Amino acid sequence: MHTYVRALTKIASRYAPSRMLSFDLVHVFKTLQLLNEHGHVSRTLLCQELALGEGSIRTLVKHLKMQSLIKSTNAGTRLTHKGKALSSELFQLIPLEANMPKCSIALGKFNYVILLKNYSFAVRSGIEQRDAAIKMGALGATTLLYKDYKFVMPGAYNEDSLQKESDIANLLIDKLKPKENDVIIVGSDNKNLRLAEFGAKNAALLTIMGHETHT
């Protein structure tokens, strides 16, 4: 099992006899993204970006510190060397993401797409990814695989899902730069973009975790 899988599992796990956690893997991942992007972040920013209360943010920060992934400074919370290394591993697997318009594969008012590198082998029917998105409160998720320069649904490798929507296909190629056997996950929601984003990210994370914990 990869180091980042163990670390993420521990961060998002309850330490007995503590109460149930109000954050999930996706909040941990988003925190690492924010720290990587900004260098340091305040708890106020984390509350805003993660849509969590102050108590949940305190617990999340505590769990990250227990794994030695972050440290507190006068400027705010920063990644440690270990945190940067773990984040780098994750960002290699989930390197790119973008907003996308409504189309045949993105049925929500708000849609968010992310790239999962070289993980098509871990996708079965796409139902697992849909359920992972719904768990975060999103409308759902659509999973595509990049095969033979086409975007295809799992199990339908000969059918180009975007054959009649070249503008969407070009947008995905431009924004995500997919390669053979990459996975594209579109999170969708009718309420707000954050739910669509968190749905897509949770689907990607659980695809990774589900495979790694069974190998």
N, C-alpha and C. Protein backbone atom coordinates (compact mmCIF):
# COMPACT_ATOMS: atom_id res chain seq x y z
N MET A 1 0.84 -1.19 0.00
CA MET A 1 0.00 0.00 0.00
C MET A 1 0.88 1.25 0.00
N HIS A 2 0.57 2.22 -0.85
CA HIS A 2 1.37 3.44 -0.93
C HIS A 2 1.28 4.25 0.36
N THR A 3 2.34 5.00 0.63
CA THR A 3 2.40 5.82 1.83
C THR A 3 1.24 6.80 1.90
N TYR A 4 0.89 7.43 0.77
CA TYR A 4 -0.16 8.44 0.80
C TYR A 4 -1.52 7.82 1.11
N VAL A 5 -1.72 6.56 0.73
CA VAL A 5 -2.98 5.88 1.04
C VAL A 5 -3.10 5.66 2.54
N ARG A 6 -2.04 5.20 3.16
CA ARG A 6 -2.05 5.01 4.61
C ARG A 6 -2.30 6.33 5.33
N ALA A 7 -1.59 7.37 4.88
CA ALA A 7 -1.72 8.67 5.53
C ALA A 7 -3.13 9.23 5.39
N LEU A 8 -3.68 9.19 4.18
CA LEU A 8 -5.03 9.71 3.96
C LEU A 8 -6.06 8.94 4.77
N THR A 9 -5.89 7.63 4.84
CA THR A 9 -6.82 6.81 5.60
C THR A 9 -6.80 7.19 7.08
N LYS A 10 -5.60 7.43 7.62
CA LYS A 10 -5.50 7.80 9.02
C LYS A 10 -6.07 9.19 9.28
N ILE A 11 -5.80 10.13 8.37
CA ILE A 11 -6.29 11.50 8.56
C ILE A 11 -7.81 11.53 8.60
N ALA A 12 -8.43 10.75 7.72
CA ALA A 12 -9.89 10.76 7.61
C ALA A 12 -10.54 9.70 8.49
N SER A 13 -9.79 9.18 9.48
CA SER A 13 -10.33 8.19 10.39
C SER A 13 -10.53 8.80 11.78
N ARG A 14 -11.46 8.24 12.50
CA ARG A 14 -11.77 8.73 13.84
C ARG A 14 -10.78 8.14 14.84
N TYR A 15 -10.34 8.97 15.76
CA TYR A 15 -9.47 8.49 16.83
C TYR A 15 -10.33 8.27 18.07
N ALA A 16 -10.54 7.01 18.43
CA ALA A 16 -11.40 6.69 19.57
C ALA A 16 -10.85 7.36 20.83
N PRO A 17 -11.74 7.83 21.73
CA PRO A 17 -13.21 7.77 21.63
C PRO A 17 -13.81 9.06 21.05
N SER A 18 -13.14 9.65 20.08
CA SER A 18 -13.64 10.90 19.51
C SER A 18 -14.95 10.67 18.77
N ARG A 19 -15.68 11.75 18.58
CA ARG A 19 -16.97 11.65 17.89
C ARG A 19 -16.76 11.51 16.39
N MET A 20 -17.84 11.27 15.69
CA MET A 20 -17.78 11.09 14.24
C MET A 20 -17.20 12.33 13.57
N LEU A 21 -16.39 12.12 12.54
CA LEU A 21 -15.78 13.24 11.83
C LEU A 21 -16.78 13.88 10.87
N SER A 22 -16.64 15.17 10.69
CA SER A 22 -17.52 15.89 9.75
C SER A 22 -16.77 16.30 8.49
N PHE A 23 -15.59 15.70 8.29
CA PHE A 23 -14.85 15.93 7.04
C PHE A 23 -14.50 14.59 6.43
N ASP A 24 -14.15 14.62 5.15
CA ASP A 24 -13.89 13.38 4.42
C ASP A 24 -12.58 13.50 3.66
N LEU A 25 -12.26 12.45 2.90
CA LEU A 25 -11.02 12.44 2.11
C LEU A 25 -10.90 13.66 1.21
N VAL A 26 -12.01 14.06 0.61
CA VAL A 26 -11.97 15.16 -0.34
C VAL A 26 -11.56 16.47 0.34
N HIS A 27 -11.95 16.65 1.60
CA HIS A 27 -11.55 17.85 2.33
C HIS A 27 -10.05 17.84 2.62
N VAL A 28 -9.52 16.66 2.90
CA VAL A 28 -8.07 16.53 3.11
C VAL A 28 -7.33 16.89 1.82
N PHE A 29 -7.79 16.35 0.72
CA PHE A 29 -7.15 16.60 -0.58
C PHE A 29 -7.22 18.07 -0.96
N LYS A 30 -8.39 18.68 -0.76
CA LYS A 30 -8.56 20.10 -1.08
C LYS A 30 -7.65 20.96 -0.21
N THR A 31 -7.48 20.58 1.05
CA THR A 31 -6.57 21.30 1.94
C THR A 31 -5.15 21.24 1.42
N LEU A 32 -4.72 20.06 0.99
CA LEU A 32 -3.37 19.92 0.43
C LEU A 32 -3.21 20.76 -0.83
N GLN A 33 -4.26 20.82 -1.65
CA GLN A 33 -4.21 21.65 -2.86
C GLN A 33 -4.06 23.13 -2.50
N LEU A 34 -4.82 23.59 -1.52
CA LEU A 34 -4.77 25.00 -1.12
C LEU A 34 -3.40 25.35 -0.55
N LEU A 35 -2.85 24.45 0.25
CA LEU A 35 -1.52 24.69 0.82
C LEU A 35 -0.46 24.72 -0.26
N ASN A 36 -0.57 23.84 -1.23
CA ASN A 36 0.38 23.81 -2.33
C ASN A 36 0.28 25.06 -3.19
N GLU A 37 -0.95 25.55 -3.37
CA GLU A 37 -1.17 26.72 -4.21
C GLU A 37 -0.75 28.02 -3.54
N HIS A 38 -1.07 28.16 -2.26
CA HIS A 38 -0.86 29.44 -1.57
C HIS A 38 0.39 29.48 -0.70
N GLY A 39 0.97 28.33 -0.42
CA GLY A 39 2.13 28.31 0.48
C GLY A 39 1.73 28.19 1.93
N HIS A 40 0.81 29.02 2.34
CA HIS A 40 0.25 28.94 3.69
C HIS A 40 -1.20 29.40 3.63
N VAL A 41 -2.01 28.90 4.55
CA VAL A 41 -3.43 29.25 4.58
C VAL A 41 -3.87 29.47 6.01
N SER A 42 -4.89 30.28 6.16
CA SER A 42 -5.48 30.51 7.47
C SER A 42 -6.66 29.56 7.67
N ARG A 43 -7.07 29.41 8.89
CA ARG A 43 -8.23 28.57 9.16
C ARG A 43 -9.50 29.20 8.61
N THR A 44 -9.52 30.52 8.54
CA THR A 44 -10.67 31.21 7.95
C THR A 44 -10.82 30.83 6.48
N LEU A 45 -9.71 30.82 5.75
CA LEU A 45 -9.75 30.43 4.35
C LEU A 45 -10.18 28.98 4.20
N LEU A 46 -9.70 28.11 5.07
CA LEU A 46 -10.10 26.71 5.00
C LEU A 46 -11.60 26.55 5.24
N CYS A 47 -12.13 27.31 6.18
CA CYS A 47 -13.57 27.27 6.43
C CYS A 47 -14.34 27.66 5.18
N GLN A 48 -13.88 28.71 4.51
CA GLN A 48 -14.56 29.21 3.31
C GLN A 48 -14.46 28.21 2.16
N GLU A 49 -13.28 27.70 1.90
CA GLU A 49 -13.04 26.85 0.73
C GLU A 49 -13.60 25.44 0.91
N LEU A 50 -13.63 24.96 2.15
CA LEU A 50 -14.09 23.60 2.39
C LEU A 50 -15.55 23.54 2.81
N ALA A 51 -16.13 24.72 3.10
CA ALA A 51 -17.53 24.79 3.56
C ALA A 51 -17.73 23.96 4.82
N LEU A 52 -16.77 24.09 5.74
CA LEU A 52 -16.83 23.39 7.03
C LEU A 52 -16.78 24.41 8.16
N GLY A 53 -17.30 24.03 9.32
CA GLY A 53 -17.26 24.89 10.48
C GLY A 53 -15.90 24.92 11.13
N GLU A 54 -15.71 25.86 12.06
CA GLU A 54 -14.42 26.03 12.71
C GLU A 54 -14.00 24.77 13.48
N GLY A 55 -14.96 24.12 14.13
CA GLY A 55 -14.64 22.91 14.88
C GLY A 55 -14.12 21.80 13.98
N SER A 56 -14.74 21.65 12.82
CA SER A 56 -14.29 20.62 11.86
C SER A 56 -12.91 20.94 11.32
N ILE A 57 -12.66 22.22 11.07
CA ILE A 57 -11.34 22.63 10.57
C ILE A 57 -10.27 22.38 11.62
N ARG A 58 -10.58 22.66 12.88
CA ARG A 58 -9.61 22.40 13.96
C ARG A 58 -9.26 20.91 14.01
N THR A 59 -10.27 20.06 13.89
CA THR A 59 -10.02 18.61 13.92
C THR A 59 -9.22 18.17 12.70
N LEU A 60 -9.56 18.69 11.53
CA LEU A 60 -8.83 18.35 10.31
C LEU A 60 -7.37 18.75 10.44
N VAL A 61 -7.11 19.96 10.91
CA VAL A 61 -5.74 20.44 11.08
C VAL A 61 -5.00 19.56 12.09
N LYS A 62 -5.68 19.20 13.17
CA LYS A 62 -5.08 18.33 14.19
C LYS A 62 -4.67 16.99 13.59
N HIS A 63 -5.53 16.40 12.78
CA HIS A 63 -5.23 15.11 12.17
C HIS A 63 -4.07 15.22 11.18
N LEU A 64 -4.02 16.30 10.44
CA LEU A 64 -2.90 16.52 9.51
C LEU A 64 -1.58 16.67 10.27
N LYS A 65 -1.63 17.36 11.40
CA LYS A 65 -0.43 17.52 12.22
C LYS A 65 0.01 16.19 12.82
N MET A 66 -0.95 15.35 13.20
CA MET A 66 -0.62 14.05 13.78
C MET A 66 0.12 13.16 12.79
N GLN A 67 -0.11 13.40 11.51
CA GLN A 67 0.62 12.66 10.47
C GLN A 67 1.86 13.42 9.98
N SER A 68 2.17 14.53 10.67
CA SER A 68 3.36 15.36 10.36
C SER A 68 3.34 15.90 8.94
N LEU A 69 2.15 16.22 8.44
CA LEU A 69 2.03 16.74 7.07
C LEU A 69 1.98 18.26 7.03
N ILE A 70 1.61 18.89 8.13
CA ILE A 70 1.56 20.35 8.18
C ILE A 70 2.16 20.85 9.48
N LYS A 71 2.45 22.14 9.49
CA LYS A 71 2.93 22.79 10.72
C LYS A 71 2.34 24.19 10.77
N SER A 72 2.20 24.72 11.97
CA SER A 72 1.66 26.06 12.15
C SER A 72 2.79 27.06 12.31
N THR A 73 2.65 28.19 11.59
CA THR A 73 3.64 29.27 11.69
C THR A 73 2.88 30.58 11.93
N ASN A 74 3.61 31.66 12.13
CA ASN A 74 2.97 32.95 12.33
C ASN A 74 2.17 33.37 11.11
N ALA A 75 2.59 32.91 9.93
CA ALA A 75 1.90 33.29 8.68
C ALA A 75 0.67 32.42 8.42
N GLY A 76 0.58 31.29 9.13
CA GLY A 76 -0.54 30.38 8.89
C GLY A 76 -0.05 28.94 8.83
N THR A 77 -0.87 28.08 8.34
CA THR A 77 -0.54 26.66 8.24
C THR A 77 0.23 26.38 6.96
N ARG A 78 1.30 25.60 7.07
CA ARG A 78 2.15 25.26 5.92
C ARG A 78 2.35 23.75 5.82
N LEU A 79 2.71 23.30 4.64
CA LEU A 79 3.08 21.90 4.45
C LEU A 79 4.48 21.65 5.00
N THR A 80 4.68 20.50 5.62
CA THR A 80 6.02 20.06 6.00
C THR A 80 6.68 19.41 4.77
N HIS A 81 7.93 19.02 4.94
CA HIS A 81 8.61 18.30 3.85
C HIS A 81 7.86 17.02 3.52
N LYS A 82 7.43 16.31 4.56
CA LYS A 82 6.65 15.09 4.35
C LYS A 82 5.33 15.40 3.66
N GLY A 83 4.70 16.50 4.04
CA GLY A 83 3.44 16.90 3.42
C GLY A 83 3.61 17.22 1.95
N LYS A 84 4.71 17.89 1.62
CA LYS A 84 4.97 18.22 0.22
C LYS A 84 5.22 16.96 -0.61
N ALA A 85 5.93 16.01 -0.03
CA ALA A 85 6.22 14.77 -0.75
C ALA A 85 4.94 13.98 -1.01
N LEU A 86 4.10 13.87 0.01
CA LEU A 86 2.84 13.15 -0.14
C LEU A 86 1.93 13.86 -1.15
N SER A 87 1.86 15.17 -1.05
CA SER A 87 1.02 15.94 -1.98
C SER A 87 1.49 15.76 -3.42
N SER A 88 2.81 15.74 -3.60
CA SER A 88 3.37 15.58 -4.94
C SER A 88 2.93 14.26 -5.55
N GLU A 89 2.91 13.19 -4.76
CA GLU A 89 2.46 11.89 -5.25
C GLU A 89 1.01 11.95 -5.70
N LEU A 90 0.18 12.58 -4.89
CA LEU A 90 -1.24 12.69 -5.22
C LEU A 90 -1.48 13.55 -6.45
N PHE A 91 -0.75 14.66 -6.54
CA PHE A 91 -0.95 15.58 -7.65
C PHE A 91 -0.45 15.00 -8.97
N GLN A 92 0.43 14.02 -8.91
CA GLN A 92 0.83 13.33 -10.14
C GLN A 92 -0.30 12.46 -10.66
N LEU A 93 -1.11 11.94 -9.75
CA LEU A 93 -2.25 11.12 -10.15
C LEU A 93 -3.45 11.97 -10.55
N ILE A 94 -3.65 13.09 -9.87
CA ILE A 94 -4.78 13.99 -10.16
C ILE A 94 -4.18 15.36 -10.45
N PRO A 95 -3.65 15.56 -11.66
CA PRO A 95 -2.87 16.76 -11.94
C PRO A 95 -3.66 17.96 -12.47
N LEU A 96 -4.81 17.70 -13.12
CA LEU A 96 -5.50 18.78 -13.80
C LEU A 96 -7.00 18.70 -13.56
N GLU A 97 -7.65 19.87 -13.58
CA GLU A 97 -9.09 19.94 -13.37
C GLU A 97 -9.61 21.24 -13.98
N ALA A 98 -10.93 21.30 -14.20
CA ALA A 98 -11.50 22.47 -14.85
C ALA A 98 -13.01 22.48 -14.72
N ASN A 99 -13.60 23.66 -14.88
CA ASN A 99 -15.05 23.76 -15.04
C ASN A 99 -15.40 23.29 -16.44
N MET A 100 -16.62 22.82 -16.63
CA MET A 100 -17.05 22.48 -17.98
C MET A 100 -18.54 22.76 -18.14
N PRO A 101 -18.97 23.08 -19.35
CA PRO A 101 -20.38 23.40 -19.59
C PRO A 101 -21.26 22.17 -19.60
N LYS A 102 -22.55 22.40 -19.49
CA LYS A 102 -23.50 21.30 -19.58
C LYS A 102 -23.47 20.71 -20.98
N CYS A 103 -23.51 19.38 -21.04
CA CYS A 103 -23.49 18.68 -22.32
C CYS A 103 -24.05 17.29 -22.10
N SER A 104 -23.92 16.42 -23.06
CA SER A 104 -24.52 15.09 -22.95
C SER A 104 -23.92 14.25 -21.83
N ILE A 105 -22.68 14.53 -21.45
CA ILE A 105 -22.03 13.75 -20.38
C ILE A 105 -21.99 14.51 -19.06
N ALA A 106 -22.45 15.75 -19.04
CA ALA A 106 -22.43 16.57 -17.83
C ALA A 106 -23.80 17.22 -17.68
N LEU A 107 -24.68 16.56 -16.98
CA LEU A 107 -26.09 16.90 -17.01
C LEU A 107 -26.52 17.93 -15.97
N GLY A 108 -25.62 18.32 -15.08
CA GLY A 108 -25.98 19.29 -14.06
C GLY A 108 -25.84 20.72 -14.55
N LYS A 109 -26.41 21.64 -13.79
CA LYS A 109 -26.24 23.07 -14.09
C LYS A 109 -24.79 23.47 -13.88
N PHE A 110 -24.16 22.85 -12.88
CA PHE A 110 -22.74 23.09 -12.59
C PHE A 110 -21.99 21.78 -12.79
N ASN A 111 -20.86 21.86 -13.49
CA ASN A 111 -20.09 20.66 -13.81
C ASN A 111 -18.60 20.92 -13.63
N TYR A 112 -17.91 19.92 -13.10
CA TYR A 112 -16.49 20.05 -12.81
C TYR A 112 -15.80 18.76 -13.23
N VAL A 113 -14.72 18.88 -13.98
CA VAL A 113 -14.06 17.70 -14.53
C VAL A 113 -12.62 17.63 -14.02
N ILE A 114 -12.18 16.41 -13.70
CA ILE A 114 -10.80 16.20 -13.27
C ILE A 114 -10.20 15.02 -14.01
N LEU A 115 -8.88 15.01 -14.05
CA LEU A 115 -8.14 13.94 -14.73
C LEU A 115 -7.50 13.04 -13.69
N LEU A 116 -7.67 11.74 -13.88
CA LEU A 116 -7.02 10.72 -13.06
C LEU A 116 -6.09 9.94 -13.97
N LYS A 117 -4.78 10.08 -13.75
CA LYS A 117 -3.79 9.56 -14.67
C LYS A 117 -3.67 8.03 -14.65
N ASN A 118 -3.80 7.45 -15.84
CA ASN A 118 -3.46 6.04 -16.07
C ASN A 118 -4.16 5.08 -15.11
N TYR A 119 -5.44 5.35 -14.84
CA TYR A 119 -6.17 4.53 -13.87
C TYR A 119 -7.39 3.85 -14.48
N SER A 120 -7.44 3.72 -15.79
CA SER A 120 -8.61 3.10 -16.41
C SER A 120 -8.78 1.65 -15.96
N PHE A 121 -7.68 0.99 -15.60
CA PHE A 121 -7.74 -0.41 -15.15
C PHE A 121 -8.56 -0.56 -13.87
N ALA A 122 -8.70 0.53 -13.09
CA ALA A 122 -9.40 0.45 -11.81
C ALA A 122 -10.88 0.81 -11.90
N VAL A 123 -11.32 1.18 -13.11
CA VAL A 123 -12.72 1.56 -13.30
C VAL A 123 -13.51 0.38 -13.84
N ARG A 124 -14.62 0.09 -13.21
CA ARG A 124 -15.47 -1.00 -13.68
C ARG A 124 -16.60 -0.46 -14.54
N SER A 125 -17.71 -0.12 -13.91
CA SER A 125 -18.86 0.35 -14.68
C SER A 125 -19.07 1.85 -14.58
N GLY A 126 -18.39 2.50 -13.66
CA GLY A 126 -18.61 3.92 -13.42
C GLY A 126 -19.62 4.18 -12.31
N ILE A 127 -20.30 3.15 -11.86
CA ILE A 127 -21.29 3.31 -10.79
C ILE A 127 -20.61 3.68 -9.48
N GLU A 128 -19.43 3.10 -9.23
CA GLU A 128 -18.71 3.43 -8.00
C GLU A 128 -18.36 4.91 -7.94
N GLN A 129 -17.95 5.46 -9.08
CA GLN A 129 -17.62 6.88 -9.12
C GLN A 129 -18.87 7.76 -8.93
N ARG A 130 -19.97 7.33 -9.54
CA ARG A 130 -21.22 8.07 -9.37
C ARG A 130 -21.63 8.10 -7.90
N ASP A 131 -21.56 6.94 -7.25
CA ASP A 131 -21.95 6.85 -5.84
C ASP A 131 -21.04 7.68 -4.94
N ALA A 132 -19.75 7.72 -5.28
CA ALA A 132 -18.80 8.51 -4.49
C ALA A 132 -19.13 10.00 -4.59
N ALA A 133 -19.57 10.44 -5.76
CA ALA A 133 -19.96 11.84 -5.94
C ALA A 133 -21.23 12.15 -5.16
N ILE A 134 -22.18 11.25 -5.23
CA ILE A 134 -23.45 11.44 -4.51
C ILE A 134 -23.21 11.50 -3.00
N LYS A 135 -22.24 10.74 -2.53
CA LYS A 135 -21.90 10.75 -1.11
C LYS A 135 -21.52 12.15 -0.64
N MET A 136 -20.92 12.95 -1.53
CA MET A 136 -20.52 14.31 -1.18
C MET A 136 -21.65 15.31 -1.36
N GLY A 137 -22.83 14.84 -1.74
CA GLY A 137 -23.97 15.74 -1.92
C GLY A 137 -24.18 16.20 -3.34
N ALA A 138 -23.33 15.74 -4.27
CA ALA A 138 -23.46 16.13 -5.67
C ALA A 138 -24.59 15.35 -6.34
N LEU A 139 -25.00 15.83 -7.49
CA LEU A 139 -26.03 15.14 -8.27
C LEU A 139 -25.54 13.78 -8.74
N GLY A 140 -24.26 13.71 -9.09
CA GLY A 140 -23.67 12.45 -9.55
C GLY A 140 -22.37 12.70 -10.28
N ALA A 141 -21.88 11.68 -10.95
CA ALA A 141 -20.63 11.80 -11.71
C ALA A 141 -20.68 10.90 -12.93
N THR A 142 -20.07 11.37 -14.00
CA THR A 142 -19.92 10.59 -15.22
C THR A 142 -18.45 10.25 -15.40
N THR A 143 -18.15 9.01 -15.69
CA THR A 143 -16.78 8.57 -15.87
C THR A 143 -16.51 8.22 -17.33
N LEU A 144 -15.44 8.79 -17.87
CA LEU A 144 -15.00 8.49 -19.22
C LEU A 144 -13.57 7.96 -19.17
N LEU A 145 -13.22 7.14 -20.13
CA LEU A 145 -11.85 6.67 -20.30
C LEU A 145 -11.31 7.21 -21.62
N TYR A 146 -10.02 7.49 -21.65
CA TYR A 146 -9.41 7.97 -22.89
C TYR A 146 -8.72 6.79 -23.57
N LYS A 147 -9.33 6.32 -24.65
CA LYS A 147 -8.84 5.14 -25.36
C LYS A 147 -8.75 5.44 -26.86
N ASP A 148 -7.60 5.17 -27.44
CA ASP A 148 -7.43 5.35 -28.89
C ASP A 148 -7.88 6.73 -29.35
N TYR A 149 -7.49 7.74 -28.58
CA TYR A 149 -7.79 9.14 -28.89
C TYR A 149 -9.30 9.44 -28.88
N LYS A 150 -10.05 8.66 -28.11
CA LYS A 150 -11.48 8.88 -27.97
C LYS A 150 -11.86 8.87 -26.49
N PHE A 151 -12.95 9.56 -26.19
CA PHE A 151 -13.53 9.54 -24.85
C PHE A 151 -14.65 8.51 -24.85
N VAL A 152 -14.48 7.44 -24.08
CA VAL A 152 -15.44 6.33 -24.13
C VAL A 152 -15.96 6.02 -22.73
N MET A 153 -17.16 5.48 -22.67
CA MET A 153 -17.73 5.03 -21.41
C MET A 153 -17.10 3.68 -21.03
N PRO A 154 -17.01 3.37 -19.74
CA PRO A 154 -16.50 2.05 -19.33
C PRO A 154 -17.30 0.92 -19.96
N GLY A 155 -16.61 -0.01 -20.59
CA GLY A 155 -17.27 -1.15 -21.21
C GLY A 155 -17.77 -0.90 -22.62
N ALA A 156 -17.62 0.32 -23.12
CA ALA A 156 -18.09 0.65 -24.48
C ALA A 156 -16.94 1.29 -25.25
N TYR A 157 -15.85 0.56 -25.39
CA TYR A 157 -14.62 1.12 -25.91
C TYR A 157 -14.67 1.48 -27.39
N ASN A 158 -15.65 0.95 -28.12
CA ASN A 158 -15.73 1.26 -29.55
C ASN A 158 -16.64 2.45 -29.86
N GLU A 159 -17.25 3.00 -28.83
CA GLU A 159 -18.19 4.10 -29.03
C GLU A 159 -17.60 5.41 -28.51
N ASP A 160 -17.43 6.36 -29.39
CA ASP A 160 -16.92 7.67 -29.02
C ASP A 160 -18.06 8.49 -28.41
N SER A 161 -18.01 8.70 -27.10
CA SER A 161 -19.10 9.37 -26.40
C SER A 161 -19.24 10.84 -26.78
N LEU A 162 -18.20 11.43 -27.34
CA LEU A 162 -18.25 12.84 -27.71
C LEU A 162 -18.10 13.05 -29.21
N GLN A 163 -18.46 12.04 -29.97
CA GLN A 163 -18.32 12.13 -31.42
C GLN A 163 -19.11 13.29 -32.00
N LYS A 164 -20.29 13.58 -31.42
CA LYS A 164 -21.15 14.65 -31.92
C LYS A 164 -20.95 15.96 -31.15
N GLU A 165 -20.00 15.97 -30.26
CA GLU A 165 -19.72 17.18 -29.48
C GLU A 165 -18.22 17.47 -29.49
N SER A 166 -17.74 17.80 -30.65
CA SER A 166 -16.31 18.02 -30.82
C SER A 166 -15.82 19.20 -29.98
N ASP A 167 -16.68 20.16 -29.73
CA ASP A 167 -16.28 21.31 -28.92
C ASP A 167 -15.97 20.89 -27.49
N ILE A 168 -16.77 19.96 -26.96
CA ILE A 168 -16.51 19.46 -25.60
C ILE A 168 -15.26 18.59 -25.58
N ALA A 169 -15.10 17.75 -26.60
CA ALA A 169 -13.91 16.91 -26.69
C ALA A 169 -12.65 17.77 -26.77
N ASN A 170 -12.70 18.83 -27.55
CA ASN A 170 -11.55 19.73 -27.68
C ASN A 170 -11.26 20.46 -26.37
N LEU A 171 -12.33 20.82 -25.66
CA LEU A 171 -12.15 21.49 -24.37
C LEU A 171 -11.43 20.56 -23.39
N LEU A 172 -11.87 19.29 -23.34
CA LEU A 172 -11.24 18.33 -22.43
C LEU A 172 -9.77 18.08 -22.80
N ILE A 173 -9.50 18.00 -24.09
CA ILE A 173 -8.12 17.80 -24.54
C ILE A 173 -7.25 19.00 -24.18
N ASP A 174 -7.82 20.19 -24.36
CA ASP A 174 -7.08 21.42 -24.07
C ASP A 174 -6.83 21.60 -22.58
N LYS A 175 -7.85 21.35 -21.77
CA LYS A 175 -7.75 21.59 -20.33
C LYS A 175 -7.04 20.47 -19.58
N LEU A 176 -7.28 19.22 -19.99
CA LEU A 176 -6.79 18.08 -19.22
C LEU A 176 -5.61 17.35 -19.86
N LYS A 177 -5.43 17.53 -21.17
CA LYS A 177 -4.32 16.89 -21.89
C LYS A 177 -4.24 15.37 -21.60
N PRO A 178 -5.33 14.66 -21.83
CA PRO A 178 -5.36 13.23 -21.48
C PRO A 178 -4.45 12.38 -22.37
N LYS A 179 -3.97 11.29 -21.80
CA LYS A 179 -3.19 10.29 -22.52
C LYS A 179 -3.92 8.95 -22.45
N GLU A 180 -3.45 7.99 -23.23
CA GLU A 180 -4.07 6.66 -23.26
C GLU A 180 -4.23 6.09 -21.86
N ASN A 181 -5.43 5.58 -21.58
CA ASN A 181 -5.79 4.94 -20.30
C ASN A 181 -5.96 5.90 -19.14
N ASP A 182 -6.05 7.18 -19.42
CA ASP A 182 -6.41 8.13 -18.37
C ASP A 182 -7.91 8.08 -18.12
N VAL A 183 -8.32 8.54 -16.95
CA VAL A 183 -9.73 8.58 -16.57
C VAL A 183 -10.16 10.04 -16.43
N ILE A 184 -11.33 10.34 -16.96
CA ILE A 184 -11.91 11.68 -16.85
C ILE A 184 -13.19 11.54 -16.05
N ILE A 185 -13.28 12.25 -14.94
CA ILE A 185 -14.48 12.19 -14.09
C ILE A 185 -15.15 13.56 -14.06
N VAL A 186 -16.42 13.57 -14.42
CA VAL A 186 -17.21 14.80 -14.44
C VAL A 186 -18.19 14.77 -13.27
N GLY A 187 -17.98 15.64 -12.30
CA GLY A 187 -18.93 15.79 -11.21
C GLY A 187 -19.99 16.81 -11.59
N SER A 188 -21.24 16.53 -11.28
CA SER A 188 -22.33 17.42 -11.67
C SER A 188 -23.25 17.72 -10.49
N ASP A 189 -23.79 18.94 -10.49
CA ASP A 189 -24.76 19.31 -9.48
C ASP A 189 -25.62 20.47 -9.99
N ASN A 190 -26.81 20.59 -9.46
CA ASN A 190 -27.72 21.67 -9.85
C ASN A 190 -27.74 22.82 -8.87
N LYS A 191 -26.99 22.68 -7.74
CA LYS A 191 -27.02 23.71 -6.71
C LYS A 191 -25.82 24.64 -6.77
N ASN A 192 -24.63 24.06 -6.76
CA ASN A 192 -23.43 24.92 -6.81
C ASN A 192 -22.23 24.15 -7.34
N LEU A 193 -21.22 24.90 -7.71
CA LEU A 193 -20.03 24.32 -8.34
C LEU A 193 -19.20 23.53 -7.34
N ARG A 194 -19.20 23.97 -6.06
CA ARG A 194 -18.39 23.27 -5.08
C ARG A 194 -18.82 21.82 -4.92
N LEU A 195 -20.12 21.56 -4.93
CA LEU A 195 -20.59 20.19 -4.81
C LEU A 195 -20.16 19.36 -6.01
N ALA A 196 -20.21 19.97 -7.19
CA ALA A 196 -19.76 19.27 -8.39
C ALA A 196 -18.26 18.96 -8.29
N GLU A 197 -17.47 19.94 -7.83
CA GLU A 197 -16.03 19.75 -7.67
C GLU A 197 -15.72 18.66 -6.65
N PHE A 198 -16.35 18.73 -5.49
CA PHE A 198 -16.09 17.75 -4.45
C PHE A 198 -16.56 16.36 -4.88
N GLY A 199 -17.66 16.31 -5.62
CA GLY A 199 -18.13 15.02 -6.12
C GLY A 199 -17.12 14.38 -7.05
N ALA A 200 -16.57 15.16 -7.98
CA ALA A 200 -15.57 14.64 -8.92
C ALA A 200 -14.31 14.20 -8.20
N LYS A 201 -13.86 15.01 -7.25
CA LYS A 201 -12.63 14.68 -6.53
C LYS A 201 -12.80 13.46 -5.64
N ASN A 202 -13.94 13.36 -5.00
CA ASN A 202 -14.18 12.19 -4.15
C ASN A 202 -14.23 10.92 -4.98
N ALA A 203 -14.82 11.01 -6.16
CA ALA A 203 -14.87 9.85 -7.06
C ALA A 203 -13.46 9.41 -7.46
N ALA A 204 -12.60 10.38 -7.76
CA ALA A 204 -11.21 10.06 -8.13
C ALA A 204 -10.45 9.46 -6.95
N LEU A 205 -10.59 10.07 -5.79
CA LEU A 205 -9.88 9.58 -4.60
C LEU A 205 -10.30 8.17 -4.23
N LEU A 206 -11.59 7.89 -4.27
CA LEU A 206 -12.06 6.57 -3.90
C LEU A 206 -11.69 5.52 -4.96
N THR A 207 -11.52 5.96 -6.20
CA THR A 207 -11.02 5.04 -7.23
C THR A 207 -9.59 4.62 -6.89
N ILE A 208 -8.77 5.60 -6.50
CA ILE A 208 -7.40 5.31 -6.11
C ILE A 208 -7.35 4.45 -4.85
N MET A 209 -8.09 4.87 -3.84
CA MET A 209 -8.05 4.19 -2.56
C MET A 209 -8.59 2.77 -2.67
N GLY A 210 -9.67 2.62 -3.44
CA GLY A 210 -10.28 1.31 -3.59
C GLY A 210 -9.34 0.32 -4.24
N HIS A 211 -8.55 0.79 -5.19
CA HIS A 211 -7.58 -0.10 -5.83
C HIS A 211 -6.41 -0.39 -4.91
N GLU A 212 -5.84 0.66 -4.31
CA GLU A 212 -4.62 0.50 -3.53
C GLU A 212 -4.83 -0.34 -2.29
N THR A 213 -6.01 -0.23 -1.67
CA THR A 213 -6.25 -0.98 -0.44
C THR A 213 -6.54 -2.46 -0.69
N HIS A 214 -6.70 -2.81 -1.98
CA HIS A 214 -6.95 -4.22 -2.32
C HIS A 214 -5.79 -4.84 -3.08
N THR A 215 -4.65 -4.16 -3.10
CA THR A 215 -3.47 -4.70 -3.78
C THR A 215 -2.41 -5.11 -2.76
